[in-house]
Protein backbone atom coordinates (compact mmCIF):
# COMPACT_ATOMS: atom_id res chain seq x y z
CA UNK A 1 -13.84 7.97 21.06
CA UNK A 2 -10.79 7.35 18.91
CA UNK A 3 -10.93 7.12 15.13
CA UNK A 4 -8.83 4.07 14.17
CA UNK A 5 -9.86 3.98 10.51
CA UNK A 6 -6.89 5.94 9.08
CA UNK A 7 -4.40 4.02 11.23
CA UNK A 8 -5.71 0.60 10.22
CA UNK A 9 -6.08 1.45 6.53
CA UNK A 10 -2.58 2.97 6.35
CA UNK A 11 -0.99 0.00 8.13
CA UNK A 12 -2.81 -2.56 6.00
CA UNK A 13 -1.91 -0.82 2.75
CA UNK A 14 1.71 -0.38 3.84
CA UNK A 15 2.07 -4.11 4.55
CA UNK A 16 0.29 -5.20 1.37
CA UNK A 17 2.13 -2.74 -0.89
CA UNK A 18 5.66 -3.30 0.40
CA UNK A 19 7.67 -3.94 -2.81
CA UNK A 20 8.86 -7.53 -3.05
CA UNK A 21 6.78 -8.89 -0.18
CA UNK A 22 3.66 -10.08 -2.04
CA UNK A 23 4.29 -8.67 -5.51
CA UNK A 24 6.53 -6.18 -7.25
CA UNK A 25 5.70 -3.79 -10.08
CA UNK A 26 7.85 -3.78 -12.27
CA UNK A 27 9.44 -7.13 -11.49
CA UNK A 28 12.98 -8.27 -12.16
CA UNK A 29 12.79 -9.13 -15.88
CA UNK A 30 8.95 -9.29 -15.94
CA UNK A 31 6.07 -6.92 -15.55
CA UNK A 32 5.01 -8.40 -12.19
CA UNK A 33 7.20 -10.40 -9.81
CA UNK A 34 5.70 -12.40 -6.96
CA UNK A 35 7.36 -12.95 -3.53
CA UNK A 36 10.94 -12.43 -4.66
CA UNK A 37 12.01 -10.21 -1.68
CA UNK A 38 14.02 -7.96 -4.01
CA UNK A 39 13.30 -4.38 -4.93
CA UNK A 40 14.47 -1.53 -7.14
CA UNK A 41 14.12 2.23 -7.14
CA UNK A 42 11.51 2.15 -9.88
CA UNK A 43 9.50 -0.45 -7.97
CA UNK A 44 9.55 1.71 -4.85
CA UNK A 45 8.29 4.68 -6.88
CA UNK A 46 5.45 2.69 -8.46
CA UNK A 47 4.34 1.23 -5.12
CA UNK A 48 4.49 4.70 -3.51
CA UNK A 49 2.19 6.13 -6.18
CA UNK A 50 -0.25 3.21 -5.78
CA UNK A 51 -0.17 3.61 -1.96
CA UNK A 52 -0.84 7.34 -2.19
CA UNK A 53 -3.73 6.84 -4.62
CA UNK A 54 -5.39 4.12 -2.52
CA UNK A 55 -4.99 5.91 0.80
CA UNK A 56 -6.41 9.08 -0.74
CA UNK A 57 -9.43 7.17 -2.04
CA UNK A 58 -10.10 5.35 1.24
CA UNK A 59 -9.52 8.23 3.65
CA UNK A 60 -10.61 11.33 1.76
CA UNK A 61 -13.04 10.23 -0.96
CA UNK A 62 -14.80 7.39 0.88
CA UNK A 63 -14.06 8.55 4.44
CA UNK A 64 -13.43 5.29 6.27
CA UNK A 65 -13.90 5.71 10.03
CA UNK A 66 -13.64 3.08 12.77
CA UNK A 67 -14.53 4.36 16.21
CA UNK A 68 -13.70 2.64 19.50
CA UNK A 69 -14.74 3.35 23.02
């Protein structure tokens, strides 16, 4: 049996938290920018911290597991 939980959670969070794809914190001239496809170094740092916090919560604290086979 393979545990696909960490792979699916990491992929989903990576796609959703890509700066500039759905939203960007901080935005260009605003606090939040939506679908502008632009990014900055500060935005990458903020999204990295959010990604790390969420993946830690889902994989270590909650322990999401999806088994196949």
